[in-house]
C-alpha atoms as a PDB file:
ATOM      1  CA  UNK A   1      85.444  97.968  39.875  1.00  0.00           C
ATOM      2  CA  UNK A   2      85.264  99.952  36.623  1.00  0.00           C
ATOM      3  CA  UNK A   3      88.601 101.457  35.597  1.00  0.00           C
ATOM      4  CA  UNK A   4      89.471 104.351  33.312  1.00  0.00           C
ATOM      5  CA  UNK A   5      92.642 105.963  32.085  1.00  0.00           C
ATOM      6  CA  UNK A   6      93.668 109.422  30.968  1.00  0.00           C
ATOM      7  CA  UNK A   7      96.752 110.267  28.939  1.00  0.00           C
ATOM      8  CA  UNK A   8      97.851 113.838  28.467  1.00  0.00           C
ATOM      9  CA  UNK A   9     100.794 115.807  27.134  1.00  0.00           C
ATOM     10  CA  UNK A  10     101.741 119.283  28.333  1.00  0.00           C
ATOM     11  CA  UNK A  11     104.521 121.825  28.037  1.00  0.00           C
ATOM     12  CA  UNK A  12     106.385 122.664  31.227  1.00  0.00           C
ATOM     13  CA  UNK A  13     106.820 126.266  32.309  1.00  0.00           C
ATOM     14  CA  UNK A  14     109.888 125.219  34.349  1.00  0.00           C
ATOM     15  CA  UNK A  15     113.224 123.575  33.717  1.00  0.00           C
ATOM     16  CA  UNK A  16     113.074 120.646  36.142  1.00  0.00           C
ATOM     17  CA  UNK A  17     116.151 119.276  37.848  1.00  0.00           C
ATOM     18  CA  UNK A  18     116.297 115.521  38.520  1.00  0.00           C
ATOM     19  CA  UNK A  19     115.835 116.234  42.236  1.00  0.00           C
ATOM     20  CA  UNK A  20     112.739 118.366  41.588  1.00  0.00           C
ATOM     21  CA  UNK A  21     111.253 115.637  39.402  1.00  0.00           C
ATOM     22  CA  UNK A  22     111.901 113.058  42.126  1.00  0.00           C
ATOM     23  CA  UNK A  23     110.092 115.297  44.639  1.00  0.00           C
ATOM     24  CA  UNK A  24     107.187 115.781  42.210  1.00  0.00           C
ATOM     25  CA  UNK A  25     106.892 112.019  41.727  1.00  0.00           C
ATOM     26  CA  UNK A  26     107.022 111.411  45.485  1.00  0.00           C
ATOM     27  CA  UNK A  27     104.227 113.927  46.128  1.00  0.00           C
ATOM     28  CA  UNK A  28     102.223 112.292  43.322  1.00  0.00           C
ATOM     29  CA  UNK A  29     102.731 108.843  44.870  1.00  0.00           C
ATOM     30  CA  UNK A  30     101.526 110.076  48.265  1.00  0.00           C
ATOM     31  CA  UNK A  31      98.427 111.624  46.674  1.00  0.00           C
ATOM     32  CA  UNK A  32      97.671 108.792  44.267  1.00  0.00           C
ATOM     33  CA  UNK A  33      98.059 105.794  46.565  1.00  0.00           C
ATOM     34  CA  UNK A  34      95.065 106.538  48.834  1.00  0.00           C
ATOM     35  CA  UNK A  35      92.911 107.219  45.757  1.00  0.00           C
ATOM     36  CA  UNK A  36      93.969 103.964  44.104  1.00  0.00           C
ATOM     37  CA  UNK A  37      95.514 105.769  41.123  1.00  0.00           C
ATOM     38  CA  UNK A  38      98.468 104.365  39.215  1.00  0.00           C
ATOM     39  CA  UNK A  39     100.481 105.558  36.265  1.00  0.00           C
ATOM     40  CA  UNK A  40     103.678 106.791  34.682  1.00  0.00           C
ATOM     41  CA  UNK A  41     105.081 110.294  34.241  1.00  0.00           C
ATOM     42  CA  UNK A  42     107.603 110.930  31.481  1.00  0.00           C
ATOM     43  CA  UNK A  43     109.441 114.254  31.382  1.00  0.00           C
ATOM     44  CA  UNK A  44     111.681 115.372  28.576  1.00  0.00           C
ATOM     45  CA  UNK A  45     112.521 118.254  26.293  1.00  0.00           C
ATOM     46  CA  UNK A  46     110.296 120.530  28.369  1.00  0.00           C
ATOM     47  CA  UNK A  47     107.212 118.305  28.056  1.00  0.00           C
ATOM     48  CA  UNK A  48     105.280 115.967  30.316  1.00  0.00           C
ATOM     49  CA  UNK A  49     103.548 112.847  29.043  1.00  0.00           C
ATOM     50  CA  UNK A  50     101.528 111.177  31.770  1.00  0.00           C
ATOM     51  CA  UNK A  51      99.180 108.240  31.936  1.00  0.00           C
ATOM     52  CA  UNK A  52      96.897 107.986  34.960  1.00  0.00           C
ATOM     53  CA  UNK A  53      94.595 105.051  35.640  1.00  0.00           C
ATOM     54  CA  UNK A  54      92.042 104.151  38.289  1.00  0.00           C
ATOM     55  CA  UNK A  55      88.452 104.684  39.337  1.00  0.00           C
ATOM     56  CA  UNK A  56      86.727 107.471  37.413  1.00  0.00           C
ATOM     57  CA  UNK A  57      85.999 110.010  40.170  1.00  0.00           C
ATOM     58  CA  UNK A  58      89.506 110.222  41.684  1.00  0.00           C
ATOM     59  CA  UNK A  59      90.960 110.170  38.183  1.00  0.00           C
ATOM     60  CA  UNK A  60      88.871 113.162  37.054  1.00  0.00           C
ATOM     61  CA  UNK A  61      89.608 115.083  40.253  1.00  0.00           C
ATOM     62  CA  UNK A  62      93.339 114.479  39.850  1.00  0.00           C
ATOM     63  CA  UNK A  63      93.296 115.532  36.208  1.00  0.00           C
ATOM     64  CA  UNK A  64      91.397 118.691  37.150  1.00  0.00           C
ATOM     65  CA  UNK A  65      94.126 119.512  39.688  1.00  0.00           C
ATOM     66  CA  UNK A  66      96.757 118.926  36.991  1.00  0.00           C
ATOM     67  CA  UNK A  67      94.947 121.201  34.519  1.00  0.00           C
ATOM     68  CA  UNK A  68      94.978 124.021  37.075  1.00  0.00           C
ATOM     69  CA  UNK A  69      98.643 123.551  38.013  1.00  0.00           C
ATOM     70  CA  UNK A  70     100.535 126.670  36.880  1.00  0.00           C
ATOM     71  CA  UNK A  71     103.773 124.705  36.395  1.00  0.00           C
ATOM     72  CA  UNK A  72     102.692 123.620  32.932  1.00  0.00           C
ATOM     73  CA  UNK A  73     100.571 124.760  29.992  1.00  0.00           C
ATOM     74  CA  UNK A  74      99.241 123.584  26.631  1.00  0.00           C
ATOM     75  CA  UNK A  75      97.651 120.507  28.196  1.00  0.00           C
ATOM     76  CA  UNK A  76      96.136 118.158  25.629  1.00  0.00           C
ATOM     77  CA  UNK A  77      94.086 115.184  26.772  1.00  0.00           C
ATOM     78  CA  UNK A  78      94.907 112.380  24.358  1.00  0.00           C
ATOM     79  CA  UNK A  79      93.095 109.403  25.863  1.00  0.00           C
ATOM     80  CA  UNK A  80      90.129 109.330  28.174  1.00  0.00           C
ATOM     81  CA  UNK A  81      88.089 106.216  28.601  1.00  0.00           C
ATOM     82  CA  UNK A  82      87.479 102.839  30.184  1.00  0.00           C
ATOM     83  CA  UNK A  83      90.116 100.124  30.388  1.00  0.00           C
ATOM     84  CA  UNK A  84      89.908  96.416  31.125  1.00  0.00           C
ATOM     85  CA  UNK A  85      93.039  96.391  33.290  1.00  0.00           C
ATOM     86  CA  UNK A  86      95.785  98.653  34.517  1.00  0.00           C
ATOM     87  CA  UNK A  87      99.020  99.008  32.609  1.00  0.00           C
ATOM     88  CA  UNK A  88     100.889 100.230  35.715  1.00  0.00           C
ATOM     89  CA  UNK A  89      99.303  98.188  38.493  1.00  0.00           C
ATOM     90  CA  UNK A  90     101.153  98.772  41.751  1.00  0.00           C
ATOM     91  CA  UNK A  91     102.849 101.979  40.553  1.00  0.00           C
ATOM     92  CA  UNK A  92     101.344 104.935  42.444  1.00  0.00           C
ATOM     93  CA  UNK A  93     103.493 106.961  40.029  1.00  0.00           C
ATOM     94  CA  UNK A  94     106.410 105.755  37.949  1.00  0.00           C
ATOM     95  CA  UNK A  95     108.850 108.400  36.713  1.00  0.00           C
ATOM     96  CA  UNK A  96     111.245 108.620  33.814  1.00  0.00           C
ATOM     97  CA  UNK A  97     113.343 111.714  33.149  1.00  0.00           C
ATOM     98  CA  UNK A  98     113.792 111.184  29.417  1.00  0.00           C
ATOM     99  CA  UNK A  99     116.465 113.888  29.239  1.00  0.00           C
ATOM    100  CA  UNK A 100     118.716 111.609  31.319  1.00  0.00           C
ATOM    101  CA  UNK A 101     117.623 108.284  29.860  1.00  0.00           C
ATOM    102  CA  UNK A 102     119.908 108.017  26.851  1.00  0.00           C
ATOM    103  CA  UNK A 103     119.684 108.768  23.158  1.00  0.00           C
ATOM    104  CA  UNK A 104     117.251 105.999  22.258  1.00  0.00           C
ATOM    105  CA  UNK A 105     114.697 107.039  24.870  1.00  0.00           C
ATOM    106  CA  UNK A 106     115.063 110.737  23.976  1.00  0.00           C
ATOM    107  CA  UNK A 107     114.621 109.990  20.285  1.00  0.00           C
ATOM    108  CA  UNK A 108     111.494 107.912  20.905  1.00  0.00           C
ATOM    109  CA  UNK A 109     110.057 110.551  23.219  1.00  0.00           C
ATOM    110  CA  UNK A 110     110.752 113.362  20.723  1.00  0.00           C
ATOM    111  CA  UNK A 111     109.041 111.419  17.944  1.00  0.00           C
ATOM    112  CA  UNK A 112     106.019 110.691  20.117  1.00  0.00           C
ATOM    113  CA  UNK A 113     105.566 114.270  21.329  1.00  0.00           C
ATOM    114  CA  UNK A 114     105.995 115.619  17.780  1.00  0.00           C
ATOM    115  CA  UNK A 115     103.427 113.184  16.357  1.00  0.00           C
ATOM    116  CA  UNK A 116     100.693 113.533  18.979  1.00  0.00           C
ATOM    117  CA  UNK A 117      97.467 115.215  17.897  1.00  0.00           C
ATOM    118  CA  UNK A 118      97.402 118.667  19.474  1.00  0.00           C
ATOM    119  CA  UNK A 119      94.441 120.844  20.293  1.00  0.00           C
ATOM    120  CA  UNK A 120      91.961 118.175  19.262  1.00  0.00           C
ATOM    121  CA  UNK A 121      90.481 117.389  22.691  1.00  0.00           C
ATOM    122  CA  UNK A 122      89.969 113.789  23.837  1.00  0.00           C
ATOM    123  CA  UNK A 123      91.107 111.105  21.447  1.00  0.00           C
ATOM    124  CA  UNK A 124      89.649 107.625  21.724  1.00  0.00           C
ATOM    125  CA  UNK A 125      92.879 105.810  20.912  1.00  0.00           C
ATOM    126  CA  UNK A 126      96.498 106.782  20.518  1.00  0.00           C
ATOM    127  CA  UNK A 127      98.302 103.499  20.045  1.00  0.00           C
ATOM    128  CA  UNK A 128     101.672 105.143  19.423  1.00  0.00           C
ATOM    129  CA  UNK A 129     101.800 106.899  22.800  1.00  0.00           C
ATOM    130  CA  UNK A 130     100.536 103.839  24.648  1.00  0.00           C
ATOM    131  CA  UNK A 131     103.136 101.682  22.932  1.00  0.00           C
ATOM    132  CA  UNK A 132     105.870 104.064  24.116  1.00  0.00           C
ATOM    133  CA  UNK A 133     104.623 103.733  27.688  1.00  0.00           C
ATOM    134  CA  UNK A 134     104.504  99.954  27.369  1.00  0.00           C
ATOM    135  CA  UNK A 135     108.087  99.902  26.081  1.00  0.00           C
ATOM    136  CA  UNK A 136     109.313 101.999  28.993  1.00  0.00           C
ATOM    137  CA  UNK A 137     107.434  99.785  31.442  1.00  0.00           C
ATOM    138  CA  UNK A 138     108.895  96.637  29.889  1.00  0.00           C
ATOM    139  CA  UNK A 139     112.380  97.942  30.625  1.00  0.00           C
ATOM    140  CA  UNK A 140     111.564  98.919  34.204  1.00  0.00           C
ATOM    141  CA  UNK A 141     113.700  97.661  37.022  1.00  0.00           C
ATOM    142  CA  UNK A 142     112.042  94.856  38.971  1.00  0.00           C
ATOM    143  CA  UNK A 143     114.039  95.732  42.066  1.00  0.00           C
ATOM    144  CA  UNK A 144     112.656  99.261  42.466  1.00  0.00           C
ATOM    145  CA  UNK A 145     108.937  99.291  41.538  1.00  0.00           C
ATOM    146  CA  UNK A 146     107.799 102.526  39.954  1.00  0.00           C
ATOM    147  CA  UNK A 147     111.320 103.595  38.950  1.00  0.00           C
ATOM    148  CA  UNK A 148     112.676 103.146  35.466  1.00  0.00           C
ATOM    149  CA  UNK A 149     116.270 102.378  34.543  1.00  0.00           C
ATOM    150  CA  UNK A 150     118.553 104.092  32.082  1.00  0.00           C
ATOM    151  CA  UNK A 151     117.240 103.234  28.632  1.00  0.00           C
ATOM    152  CA  UNK A 152     120.365 104.130  26.664  1.00  0.00           C
END
């Protein structure tokens, strides 16, 4: 089965509470699981950074729904292309609220969001953003799949 991934950054129109983010992630998990989509959603400083991965058609349909979601704006697609394997296999949607994750995580997130190419359309590779996601995944709790621990 051919796999693809999409990575985007957006600016939130809302100030999300931890409970609202948990509900958003739960709805995403329920939608993504039947479509075979996996990924990670980072929220912090009023921005979302999300990686989605899976088969092309459900991935594109999900991204289209995200683009038309009025809860955020300034959506920039940073990565869009085929992958050899999933980075977040088994995670219908991981979630990290960076605002609550400690100074180190917030600092890394701020640097990533500030350095991402904006308004340039799809980018073939953005190693910095992917490395951030890999770091967060590496620190994930093995006891609660799809949930990330405090990274302070």
